[in-house]
Amino acid sequence: MSERDAIPLILTGIGSICATVAVLTYYGYVHFAEPQDALLLADFTMLKTVPGEDYKVSLKPANQVAQCVDGVLVLFDLEQKGLTGVLVDNKKQAVRCMGEQSPSAAQ
């Protein structure tokens, strides 16, 4: 029996993996997150409402829109298309929402 050289097999495997990642990235199945894609939880502040006390907020709306999806508050960014995130607290627990149904498909 003749022995096979393992180097071509290793190079073929590495090349196959690189080609697969390249094709998946090209078609949008793989996305490498960049720092500007993330919104920090510290960027948001909860204003506690107390009966009888006034509080001031800006008239200009934020660049994010929140929606209740399956009982979890999901933020959609209006400036960066495709940037979506779940609002969590400092323990990485999802902020729940009530009163709204999850979005249904248009009929």
PDB file of N, CA and C in Angstrom:
ATOM      1  N   MET A   1       0.826  -1.188   0.000  1.00  0.00           N
ATOM      2  CA  MET A   1       0.000   0.000   0.000  1.00  0.00           C
ATOM      3  C   MET A   1       0.871   1.252   0.000  1.00  0.00           C
ATOM      4  N   SER A   2       0.407   2.203  -0.706  1.00  0.00           N
ATOM      5  CA  SER A   2       1.156   3.453  -0.741  1.00  0.00           C
ATOM      6  C   SER A   2       0.568   4.435   0.265  1.00  0.00           C
ATOM      7  N   GLU A   3       1.423   5.241   0.854  1.00  0.00           N
ATOM      8  CA  GLU A   3       0.964   6.225   1.830  1.00  0.00           C
ATOM      9  C   GLU A   3       0.573   7.510   1.098  1.00  0.00           C
ATOM     10  N   ARG A   4      -0.506   8.117   1.576  1.00  0.00           N
ATOM     11  CA  ARG A   4      -0.963   9.362   0.969  1.00  0.00           C
ATOM     12  C   ARG A   4      -0.366  10.542   1.711  1.00  0.00           C
ATOM     13  N   ASP A   5      -0.109  11.593   0.967  1.00  0.00           N
ATOM     14  CA  ASP A   5       0.402  12.817   1.570  1.00  0.00           C
ATOM     15  C   ASP A   5      -0.790  13.579   2.173  1.00  0.00           C
ATOM     16  N   ALA A   6      -0.733  13.935   3.448  1.00  0.00           N
ATOM     17  CA  ALA A   6      -1.851  14.565   4.151  1.00  0.00           C
ATOM     18  C   ALA A   6      -1.963  16.059   3.861  1.00  0.00           C
ATOM     19  N   ILE A   7      -0.932  16.683   3.388  1.00  0.00           N
ATOM     20  CA  ILE A   7      -0.960  18.146   3.174  1.00  0.00           C
ATOM     21  C   ILE A   7      -2.036  18.553   2.169  1.00  0.00           C
ATOM     22  N   PRO A   8      -2.196  17.898   1.019  1.00  0.00           N
ATOM     23  CA  PRO A   8      -3.273  18.315   0.112  1.00  0.00           C
ATOM     24  C   PRO A   8      -4.668  18.161   0.729  1.00  0.00           C
ATOM     25  N   LEU A   9      -4.859  17.130   1.544  1.00  0.00           N
ATOM     26  CA  LEU A   9      -6.159  16.961   2.194  1.00  0.00           C
ATOM     27  C   LEU A   9      -6.433  18.082   3.205  1.00  0.00           C
ATOM     28  N   ILE A  10      -5.428  18.463   3.954  1.00  0.00           N
ATOM     29  CA  ILE A  10      -5.581  19.547   4.925  1.00  0.00           C
ATOM     30  C   ILE A  10      -5.854  20.865   4.215  1.00  0.00           C
ATOM     31  N   LEU A  11      -5.109  21.153   3.159  1.00  0.00           N
ATOM     32  CA  LEU A  11      -5.327  22.391   2.401  1.00  0.00           C
ATOM     33  C   LEU A  11      -6.712  22.409   1.754  1.00  0.00           C
ATOM     34  N   THR A  12      -7.172  21.269   1.268  1.00  0.00           N
ATOM     35  CA  THR A  12      -8.514  21.190   0.684  1.00  0.00           C
ATOM     36  C   THR A  12      -9.575  21.472   1.742  1.00  0.00           C
ATOM     37  N   GLY A  13      -9.413  20.931   2.931  1.00  0.00           N
ATOM     38  CA  GLY A  13     -10.367  21.182   4.018  1.00  0.00           C
ATOM     39  C   GLY A  13     -10.398  22.637   4.423  1.00  0.00           C
ATOM     40  N   ILE A  14      -9.230  23.251   4.579  1.00  0.00           N
ATOM     41  CA  ILE A  14      -9.168  24.675   4.946  1.00  0.00           C
ATOM     42  C   ILE A  14      -9.769  25.535   3.845  1.00  0.00           C
ATOM     43  N   GLY A  15      -9.464  25.209   2.602  1.00  0.00           N
ATOM     44  CA  GLY A  15     -10.032  25.963   1.478  1.00  0.00           C
ATOM     45  C   GLY A  15     -11.545  25.834   1.412  1.00  0.00           C
ATOM     46  N   SER A  16     -12.060  24.634   1.683  1.00  0.00           N
ATOM     47  CA  SER A  16     -13.509  24.424   1.669  1.00  0.00           C
ATOM     48  C   SER A  16     -14.194  25.249   2.753  1.00  0.00           C
ATOM     49  N   ILE A  17     -13.601  25.287   3.936  1.00  0.00           N
ATOM     50  CA  ILE A  17     -14.185  26.076   5.029  1.00  0.00           C
ATOM     51  C   ILE A  17     -14.168  27.559   4.674  1.00  0.00           C
ATOM     52  N   CYS A  18     -13.056  28.057   4.155  1.00  0.00           N
ATOM     53  CA  CYS A  18     -12.965  29.475   3.775  1.00  0.00           C
ATOM     54  C   CYS A  18     -13.974  29.819   2.684  1.00  0.00           C
ATOM     55  N   ALA A  19     -14.128  28.955   1.691  1.00  0.00           N
ATOM     56  CA  ALA A  19     -15.079  29.196   0.606  1.00  0.00           C
ATOM     57  C   ALA A  19     -16.512  29.188   1.137  1.00  0.00           C
ATOM     58  N   THR A  20     -16.822  28.283   2.063  1.00  0.00           N
ATOM     59  CA  THR A  20     -18.163  28.215   2.634  1.00  0.00           C
ATOM     60  C   THR A  20     -18.490  29.485   3.409  1.00  0.00           C
ATOM     61  N   VAL A  21     -17.557  29.955   4.228  1.00  0.00           N
ATOM     62  CA  VAL A  21     -17.778  31.187   4.994  1.00  0.00           C
ATOM     63  C   VAL A  21     -17.934  32.375   4.048  1.00  0.00           C
ATOM     64  N   ALA A  22     -17.134  32.426   2.992  1.00  0.00           N
ATOM     65  CA  ALA A  22     -17.230  33.528   2.026  1.00  0.00           C
ATOM     66  C   ALA A  22     -18.594  33.538   1.336  1.00  0.00           C
ATOM     67  N   VAL A  23     -19.079  32.382   0.923  1.00  0.00           N
ATOM     68  CA  VAL A  23     -20.376  32.314   0.240  1.00  0.00           C
ATOM     69  C   VAL A  23     -21.502  32.673   1.209  1.00  0.00           C
ATOM     70  N   LEU A  24     -21.457  32.161   2.434  1.00  0.00           N
ATOM     71  CA  LEU A  24     -22.494  32.489   3.413  1.00  0.00           C
ATOM     72  C   LEU A  24     -22.487  33.972   3.760  1.00  0.00           C
ATOM     73  N   THR A  25     -21.328  34.593   3.827  1.00  0.00           N
ATOM     74  CA  THR A  25     -21.233  36.031   4.083  1.00  0.00           C
ATOM     75  C   THR A  25     -21.793  36.824   2.911  1.00  0.00           C
ATOM     76  N   TYR A  26     -21.477  36.406   1.704  1.00  0.00           N
ATOM     77  CA  TYR A  26     -21.951  37.090   0.502  1.00  0.00           C
ATOM     78  C   TYR A  26     -23.477  37.097   0.435  1.00  0.00           C
ATOM     79  N   TYR A  27     -24.115  35.975   0.784  1.00  0.00           N
ATOM     80  CA  TYR A  27     -25.564  35.876   0.708  1.00  0.00           C
ATOM     81  C   TYR A  27     -26.262  36.371   1.979  1.00  0.00           C
ATOM     82  N   GLY A  28     -25.516  36.853   2.957  1.00  0.00           N
ATOM     83  CA  GLY A  28     -26.108  37.473   4.127  1.00  0.00           C
ATOM     84  C   GLY A  28     -26.436  36.542   5.273  1.00  0.00           C
ATOM     85  N   TYR A  29     -25.994  35.304   5.222  1.00  0.00           N
ATOM     86  CA  TYR A  29     -26.273  34.368   6.310  1.00  0.00           C
ATOM     87  C   TYR A  29     -25.285  34.515   7.460  1.00  0.00           C
ATOM     88  N   VAL A  30     -24.140  35.125   7.212  1.00  0.00           N
ATOM     89  CA  VAL A  30     -23.145  35.370   8.248  1.00  0.00           C
ATOM     90  C   VAL A  30     -22.917  36.878   8.307  1.00  0.00           C
ATOM     91  N   HIS A  31     -23.003  37.421   9.510  1.00  0.00           N
ATOM     92  CA  HIS A  31     -22.780  38.854   9.689  1.00  0.00           C
ATOM     93  C   HIS A  31     -21.801  39.038  10.833  1.00  0.00           C
ATOM     94  N   PHE A  32     -20.722  39.743  10.586  1.00  0.00           N
ATOM     95  CA  PHE A  32     -19.740  40.036  11.615  1.00  0.00           C
ATOM     96  C   PHE A  32     -20.120  41.375  12.240  1.00  0.00           C
ATOM     97  N   ALA A  33     -20.497  41.345  13.515  1.00  0.00           N
ATOM     98  CA  ALA A  33     -20.962  42.553  14.202  1.00  0.00           C
ATOM     99  C   ALA A  33     -19.816  43.533  14.384  1.00  0.00           C
ATOM    100  N   GLU A  34     -20.136  44.793  14.224  1.00  0.00           N
ATOM    101  CA  GLU A  34     -19.183  45.870  14.416  1.00  0.00           C
ATOM    102  C   GLU A  34     -19.615  46.670  15.638  1.00  0.00           C
ATOM    103  N   PRO A  35     -18.707  47.367  16.284  1.00  0.00           N
ATOM    104  CA  PRO A  35     -19.067  48.114  17.499  1.00  0.00           C
ATOM    105  C   PRO A  35     -20.189  49.127  17.275  1.00  0.00           C
ATOM    106  N   GLN A  36     -20.264  49.736  16.106  1.00  0.00           N
ATOM    107  CA  GLN A  36     -21.311  50.725  15.879  1.00  0.00           C
ATOM    108  C   GLN A  36     -22.673  50.079  15.670  1.00  0.00           C
ATOM    109  N   ASP A  37     -22.729  48.748  15.531  1.00  0.00           N
ATOM    110  CA  ASP A  37     -24.001  48.061  15.389  1.00  0.00           C
ATOM    111  C   ASP A  37     -24.724  47.895  16.718  1.00  0.00           C
ATOM    112  N   ALA A  38     -24.043  48.074  17.804  1.00  0.00           N
ATOM    113  CA  ALA A  38     -24.619  47.814  19.119  1.00  0.00           C
ATOM    114  C   ALA A  38     -25.062  49.105  19.798  1.00  0.00           C
ATOM    115  N   LEU A  39     -26.156  49.007  20.517  1.00  0.00           N
ATOM    116  CA  LEU A  39     -26.612  50.098  21.362  1.00  0.00           C
ATOM    117  C   LEU A  39     -26.385  49.660  22.803  1.00  0.00           C
ATOM    118  N   LEU A  40     -25.787  50.511  23.595  1.00  0.00           N
ATOM    119  CA  LEU A  40     -25.526  50.172  24.978  1.00  0.00           C
ATOM    120  C   LEU A  40     -26.762  50.406  25.826  1.00  0.00           C
ATOM    121  N   LEU A  41     -26.964  49.525  26.790  1.00  0.00           N
ATOM    122  CA  LEU A  41     -28.074  49.695  27.710  1.00  0.00           C
ATOM    123  C   LEU A  41     -27.935  51.006  28.466  1.00  0.00           C
ATOM    124  N   ALA A  42     -26.711  51.465  28.685  1.00  0.00           N
ATOM    125  CA  ALA A  42     -26.483  52.714  29.399  1.00  0.00           C
ATOM    126  C   ALA A  42     -27.005  53.913  28.615  1.00  0.00           C
ATOM    127  N   ASP A  43     -27.275  53.753  27.310  1.00  0.00           N
ATOM    128  CA  ASP A  43     -27.806  54.844  26.513  1.00  0.00           C
ATOM    129  C   ASP A  43     -29.277  55.121  26.814  1.00  0.00           C
ATOM    130  N   PHE A  44     -29.919  54.239  27.576  1.00  0.00           N
ATOM    131  CA  PHE A  44     -31.329  54.384  27.879  1.00  0.00           C
ATOM    132  C   PHE A  44     -31.505  54.609  29.380  1.00  0.00           C
ATOM    133  N   THR A  45     -32.451  55.449  29.720  1.00  0.00           N
ATOM    134  CA  THR A  45     -32.749  55.742  31.117  1.00  0.00           C
ATOM    135  C   THR A  45     -34.253  55.669  31.323  1.00  0.00           C
ATOM    136  N   MET A  46     -34.658  55.065  32.412  1.00  0.00           N
ATOM    137  CA  MET A  46     -36.082  55.001  32.728  1.00  0.00           C
ATOM    138  C   MET A  46     -36.440  56.197  33.600  1.00  0.00           C
ATOM    139  N   LEU A  47     -37.445  56.948  33.185  1.00  0.00           N
ATOM    140  CA  LEU A  47     -37.946  58.057  33.980  1.00  0.00           C
ATOM    141  C   LEU A  47     -39.121  57.554  34.804  1.00  0.00           C
ATOM    142  N   LYS A  48     -38.965  57.595  36.109  1.00  0.00           N
ATOM    143  CA  LYS A  48     -40.033  57.141  36.991  1.00  0.00           C
ATOM    144  C   LYS A  48     -41.101  58.221  37.064  1.00  0.00           C
ATOM    145  N   THR A  49     -42.334  57.827  36.825  1.00  0.00           N
ATOM    146  CA  THR A  49     -43.439  58.779  36.890  1.00  0.00           C
ATOM    147  C   THR A  49     -44.065  58.721  38.277  1.00  0.00           C
ATOM    148  N   VAL A  50     -44.173  59.888  38.882  1.00  0.00           N
ATOM    149  CA  VAL A  50     -44.772  60.018  40.201  1.00  0.00           C
ATOM    150  C   VAL A  50     -46.020  60.873  40.049  1.00  0.00           C
ATOM    151  N   PRO A  51     -47.149  60.394  40.558  1.00  0.00           N
ATOM    152  CA  PRO A  51     -48.377  61.196  40.426  1.00  0.00           C
ATOM    153  C   PRO A  51     -48.198  62.590  41.022  1.00  0.00           C
ATOM    154  N   GLY A  52     -48.593  63.598  40.270  1.00  0.00           N
ATOM    155  CA  GLY A  52     -48.515  64.976  40.716  1.00  0.00           C
ATOM    156  C   GLY A  52     -47.215  65.678  40.386  1.00  0.00           C
ATOM    157  N   GLU A  53     -46.202  64.951  39.908  1.00  0.00           N
ATOM    158  CA  GLU A  53     -44.926  65.575  39.549  1.00  0.00           C
ATOM    159  C   GLU A  53     -44.780  65.615  38.037  1.00  0.00           C
ATOM    160  N   ASP A  54     -44.222  66.710  37.561  1.00  0.00           N
ATOM    161  CA  ASP A  54     -43.986  66.861  36.130  1.00  0.00           C
ATOM    162  C   ASP A  54     -42.586  66.364  35.796  1.00  0.00           C
ATOM    163  N   TYR A  55     -42.424  65.872  34.588  1.00  0.00           N
ATOM    164  CA  TYR A  55     -41.102  65.502  34.079  1.00  0.00           C
ATOM    165  C   TYR A  55     -41.009  65.994  32.647  1.00  0.00           C
ATOM    166  N   LYS A  56     -39.791  66.272  32.219  1.00  0.00           N
ATOM    167  CA  LYS A  56     -39.587  66.840  30.899  1.00  0.00           C
ATOM    168  C   LYS A  56     -38.898  65.826  29.986  1.00  0.00           C
ATOM    169  N   VAL A  57     -39.378  65.743  28.770  1.00  0.00           N
ATOM    170  CA  VAL A  57     -38.743  64.921  27.738  1.00  0.00           C
ATOM    171  C   VAL A  57     -38.630  65.764  26.473  1.00  0.00           C
ATOM    172  N   SER A  58     -37.725  65.382  25.615  1.00  0.00           N
ATOM    173  CA  SER A  58     -37.515  66.099  24.368  1.00  0.00           C
ATOM    174  C   SER A  58     -38.692  65.885  23.416  1.00  0.00           C
ATOM    175  N   LEU A  59     -39.007  66.897  22.621  1.00  0.00           N
ATOM    176  CA  LEU A  59     -40.056  66.758  21.624  1.00  0.00           C
ATOM    177  C   LEU A  59     -39.597  65.925  20.432  1.00  0.00           C
ATOM    178  N   LYS A  60     -38.275  65.885  20.223  1.00  0.00           N
ATOM    179  CA  LYS A  60     -37.728  65.100  19.115  1.00  0.00           C
ATOM    180  C   LYS A  60     -37.725  63.612  19.514  1.00  0.00           C
ATOM    181  N   PRO A  61     -38.323  62.750  18.694  1.00  0.00           N
ATOM    182  CA  PRO A  61     -38.367  61.324  19.052  1.00  0.00           C
ATOM    183  C   PRO A  61     -37.004  60.648  18.900  1.00  0.00           C
ATOM    184  N   ALA A  62     -36.834  59.539  19.586  1.00  0.00           N
ATOM    185  CA  ALA A  62     -35.592  58.766  19.502  1.00  0.00           C
ATOM    186  C   ALA A  62     -35.491  58.066  18.147  1.00  0.00           C
ATOM    187  N   ASN A  63     -34.296  57.582  17.834  1.00  0.00           N
ATOM    188  CA  ASN A  63     -34.073  56.877  16.570  1.00  0.00           C
ATOM    189  C   ASN A  63     -34.440  55.404  16.660  1.00  0.00           C
ATOM    190  N   GLN A  64     -35.038  54.993  17.763  1.00  0.00           N
ATOM    191  CA  GLN A  64     -35.454  53.610  17.927  1.00  0.00           C
ATOM    192  C   GLN A  64     -36.958  53.555  18.150  1.00  0.00           C
ATOM    193  N   VAL A  65     -37.541  52.438  17.718  1.00  0.00           N
ATOM    194  CA  VAL A  65     -38.963  52.186  17.924  1.00  0.00           C
ATOM    195  C   VAL A  65     -39.066  50.859  18.663  1.00  0.00           C
ATOM    196  N   ALA A  66     -39.913  50.812  19.695  1.00  0.00           N
ATOM    197  CA  ALA A  66     -40.081  49.592  20.471  1.00  0.00           C
ATOM    198  C   ALA A  66     -41.393  48.926  20.087  1.00  0.00           C
ATOM    199  N   GLN A  67     -41.369  47.599  20.099  1.00  0.00           N
ATOM    200  CA  GLN A  67     -42.571  46.833  19.793  1.00  0.00           C
ATOM    201  C   GLN A  67     -42.589  45.604  20.696  1.00  0.00           C
ATOM    202  N   CYS A  68     -43.763  45.218  21.116  1.00  0.00           N
ATOM    203  CA  CYS A  68     -43.919  44.037  21.947  1.00  0.00           C
ATOM    204  C   CYS A  68     -44.031  42.817  21.040  1.00  0.00           C
ATOM    205  N   VAL A  69     -43.054  41.919  21.122  1.00  0.00           N
ATOM    206  CA  VAL A  69     -43.054  40.705  20.312  1.00  0.00           C
ATOM    207  C   VAL A  69     -42.969  39.515  21.259  1.00  0.00           C
ATOM    208  N   ASP A  70     -44.013  38.727  21.290  1.00  0.00           N
ATOM    209  CA  ASP A  70     -44.083  37.547  22.157  1.00  0.00           C
ATOM    210  C   ASP A  70     -43.801  37.894  23.613  1.00  0.00           C
ATOM    211  N   GLY A  71     -44.286  39.042  24.075  1.00  0.00           N
ATOM    212  CA  GLY A  71     -44.141  39.436  25.463  1.00  0.00           C
ATOM    213  C   GLY A  71     -42.792  40.027  25.828  1.00  0.00           C
ATOM    214  N   VAL A  72     -41.940  40.296  24.846  1.00  0.00           N
ATOM    215  CA  VAL A  72     -40.610  40.862  25.089  1.00  0.00           C
ATOM    216  C   VAL A  72     -40.506  42.178  24.326  1.00  0.00           C
ATOM    217  N   LEU A  73     -39.909  43.185  24.948  1.00  0.00           N
ATOM    218  CA  LEU A  73     -39.750  44.493  24.311  1.00  0.00           C
ATOM    219  C   LEU A  73     -38.571  44.459  23.342  1.00  0.00           C
ATOM    220  N   VAL A  74     -38.859  44.643  22.060  1.00  0.00           N
ATOM    221  CA  VAL A  74     -37.843  44.604  21.008  1.00  0.00           C
ATOM    222  C   VAL A  74     -37.677  46.009  20.444  1.00  0.00           C
ATOM    223  N   LEU A  75     -36.406  46.442  20.301  1.00  0.00           N
ATOM    224  CA  LEU A  75     -36.103  47.761  19.749  1.00  0.00           C
ATOM    225  C   LEU A  75     -35.656  47.626  18.302  1.00  0.00           C
ATOM    226  N   PHE A  76     -36.193  48.477  17.457  1.00  0.00           N
ATOM    227  CA  PHE A  76     -35.808  48.537  16.052  1.00  0.00           C
ATOM    228  C   PHE A  76     -35.166  49.893  15.809  1.00  0.00           C
ATOM    229  N   ASP A  77     -33.978  49.921  15.221  1.00  0.00           N
ATOM    230  CA  ASP A  77     -33.295  51.174  14.932  1.00  0.00           C
ATOM    231  C   ASP A  77     -33.767  51.698  13.586  1.00  0.00           C
ATOM    232  N   LEU A  78     -34.083  52.996  13.532  1.00  0.00           N
ATOM    233  CA  LEU A  78     -34.576  53.596  12.297  1.00  0.00           C
ATOM    234  C   LEU A  78     -33.453  54.079  11.388  1.00  0.00           C
ATOM    235  N   GLU A  79     -32.256  54.308  11.940  1.00  0.00           N
ATOM    236  CA  GLU A  79     -31.140  54.799  11.131  1.00  0.00           C
ATOM    237  C   GLU A  79     -30.374  53.671  10.462  1.00  0.00           C
ATOM    238  N   GLN A  80     -30.115  52.608  11.199  1.00  0.00           N
ATOM    239  CA  GLN A  80     -29.350  51.483  10.665  1.00  0.00           C
ATOM    240  C   GLN A  80     -30.305  50.338  10.366  1.00  0.00           C
ATOM    241  N   LYS A  81     -30.599  50.156   9.109  1.00  0.00           N
ATOM    242  CA  LYS A  81     -31.555  49.141   8.702  1.00  0.00           C
ATOM    243  C   LYS A  81     -31.070  47.757   9.141  1.00  0.00           C
ATOM    244  N   GLY A  82     -31.973  46.994   9.715  1.00  0.00           N
ATOM    245  CA  GLY A  82     -31.641  45.643  10.131  1.00  0.00           C
ATOM    246  C   GLY A  82     -31.127  45.538  11.551  1.00  0.00           C
ATOM    247  N   LEU A  83     -30.884  46.671  12.213  1.00  0.00           N
ATOM    248  CA  LEU A  83     -30.395  46.631  13.592  1.00  0.00           C
ATOM    249  C   LEU A  83     -31.592  46.473  14.515  1.00  0.00           C
ATOM    250  N   THR A  84     -31.668  45.326  15.157  1.00  0.00           N
ATOM    251  CA  THR A  84     -32.765  44.995  16.049  1.00  0.00           C
ATOM    252  C   THR A  84     -32.182  44.426  17.319  1.00  0.00           C
ATOM    253  N   GLY A  85     -32.794  44.712  18.442  1.00  0.00           N
ATOM    254  CA  GLY A  85     -32.292  44.159  19.691  1.00  0.00           C
ATOM    255  C   GLY A  85     -33.374  44.045  20.727  1.00  0.00           C
ATOM    256  N   VAL A  86     -33.126  43.206  21.710  1.00  0.00           N
ATOM    257  CA  VAL A  86     -34.035  43.013  22.829  1.00  0.00           C
ATOM    258  C   VAL A  86     -33.518  43.857  23.991  1.00  0.00           C
ATOM    259  N   LEU A  87     -34.398  44.609  24.611  1.00  0.00           N
ATOM    260  CA  LEU A  87     -34.010  45.435  25.750  1.00  0.00           C
ATOM    261  C   LEU A  87     -33.856  44.534  26.973  1.00  0.00           C
ATOM    262  N   VAL A  88     -32.676  44.580  27.601  1.00  0.00           N
ATOM    263  CA  VAL A  88     -32.388  43.752  28.768  1.00  0.00           C
ATOM    264  C   VAL A  88     -31.923  44.639  29.914  1.00  0.00           C
ATOM    265  N   ASP A  89     -31.993  44.091  31.143  1.00  0.00           N
ATOM    266  CA  ASP A  89     -31.489  44.821  32.306  1.00  0.00           C
ATOM    267  C   ASP A  89     -30.029  44.451  32.540  1.00  0.00           C
ATOM    268  N   ASN A  90     -29.470  44.897  33.669  1.00  0.00           N
ATOM    269  CA  ASN A  90     -28.051  44.657  33.918  1.00  0.00           C
ATOM    270  C   ASN A  90     -27.733  43.185  34.199  1.00  0.00           C
ATOM    271  N   LYS A  91     -28.752  42.362  34.397  1.00  0.00           N
ATOM    272  CA  LYS A  91     -28.548  40.925  34.604  1.00  0.00           C
ATOM    273  C   LYS A  91     -28.855  40.128  33.333  1.00  0.00           C
ATOM    274  N   LYS A  92     -28.968  40.819  32.197  1.00  0.00           N
ATOM    275  CA  LYS A  92     -29.264  40.227  30.890  1.00  0.00           C
ATOM    276  C   LYS A  92     -30.629  39.549  30.855  1.00  0.00           C
ATOM    277  N   GLN A  93     -31.572  40.056  31.661  1.00  0.00           N
ATOM    278  CA  GLN A  93     -32.939  39.549  31.655  1.00  0.00           C
ATOM    279  C   GLN A  93     -33.768  40.433  30.744  1.00  0.00           C
ATOM    280  N   ALA A  94     -34.543  39.827  29.866  1.00  0.00           N
ATOM    281  CA  ALA A  94     -35.332  40.584  28.897  1.00  0.00           C
ATOM    282  C   ALA A  94     -36.426  41.382  29.594  1.00  0.00           C
ATOM    283  N   VAL A  95     -36.619  42.623  29.136  1.00  0.00           N
ATOM    284  CA  VAL A  95     -37.686  43.473  29.653  1.00  0.00           C
ATOM    285  C   VAL A  95     -38.984  43.011  29.015  1.00  0.00           C
ATOM    286  N   ARG A  96     -39.938  42.658  29.844  1.00  0.00           N
ATOM    287  CA  ARG A  96     -41.233  42.159  29.369  1.00  0.00           C
ATOM    288  C   ARG A  96     -42.183  43.309  29.083  1.00  0.00           C
ATOM    289  N   CYS A  97     -43.175  43.056  28.248  1.00  0.00           N
ATOM    290  CA  CYS A  97     -44.202  44.048  27.964  1.00  0.00           C
ATOM    291  C   CYS A  97     -45.564  43.366  27.997  1.00  0.00           C
ATOM    292  N   MET A  98     -46.593  44.150  28.249  1.00  0.00           N
ATOM    293  CA  MET A  98     -47.944  43.609  28.358  1.00  0.00           C
ATOM    294  C   MET A  98     -48.875  44.413  27.473  1.00  0.00           C
ATOM    295  N   GLY A  99     -50.002  43.826  27.172  1.00  0.00           N
ATOM    296  CA  GLY A  99     -51.085  44.576  26.527  1.00  0.00           C
ATOM    297  C   GLY A  99     -51.085  44.556  25.026  1.00  0.00           C
ATOM    298  N   GLU A 100     -50.011  44.146  24.389  1.00  0.00           N
ATOM    299  CA  GLU A 100     -49.981  44.106  22.940  1.00  0.00           C
ATOM    300  C   GLU A 100     -49.771  42.671  22.474  1.00  0.00           C
ATOM    301  N   GLN A 101     -50.382  42.350  21.373  1.00  0.00           N
ATOM    302  CA  GLN A 101     -50.220  41.017  20.804  1.00  0.00           C
ATOM    303  C   GLN A 101     -49.002  40.997  19.900  1.00  0.00           C
ATOM    304  N   SER A 102     -48.460  39.826  19.687  1.00  0.00           N
ATOM    305  CA  SER A 102     -47.339  39.718  18.758  1.00  0.00           C
ATOM    306  C   SER A 102     -47.821  40.010  17.349  1.00  0.00           C
ATOM    307  N   PRO A 103     -46.962  40.553  16.493  1.00  0.00           N
ATOM    308  CA  PRO A 103     -47.393  40.910  15.134  1.00  0.00           C
ATOM    309  C   PRO A 103     -47.814  39.680  14.350  1.00  0.00           C
ATOM    310  N   SER A 104     -48.885  39.828  13.616  1.00  0.00           N
ATOM    311  CA  SER A 104     -49.358  38.714  12.789  1.00  0.00           C
ATOM    312  C   SER A 104     -49.149  39.045  11.315  1.00  0.00           C
ATOM    313  N   ALA A 105     -49.149  38.035  10.487  1.00  0.00           N
ATOM    314  CA  ALA A 105     -48.945  38.228   9.056  1.00  0.00           C
ATOM    315  C   ALA A 105     -50.133  38.955   8.447  1.00  0.00           C
ATOM    316  N   ALA A 106     -49.879  39.836   7.485  1.00  0.00           N
ATOM    317  CA  ALA A 106     -50.941  40.581   6.813  1.00  0.00           C
ATOM    318  C   ALA A 106     -51.769  39.634   5.969  1.00  0.00           C
ATOM    319  N   GLN A 107     -53.081  39.811   6.045  1.00  0.00           N
ATOM    320  CA  GLN A 107     -53.981  38.925   5.285  1.00  0.00           C
ATOM    321  C   GLN A 107     -54.429  39.568   4.026  1.00  0.00           C
TER     322      GLN A 107
END
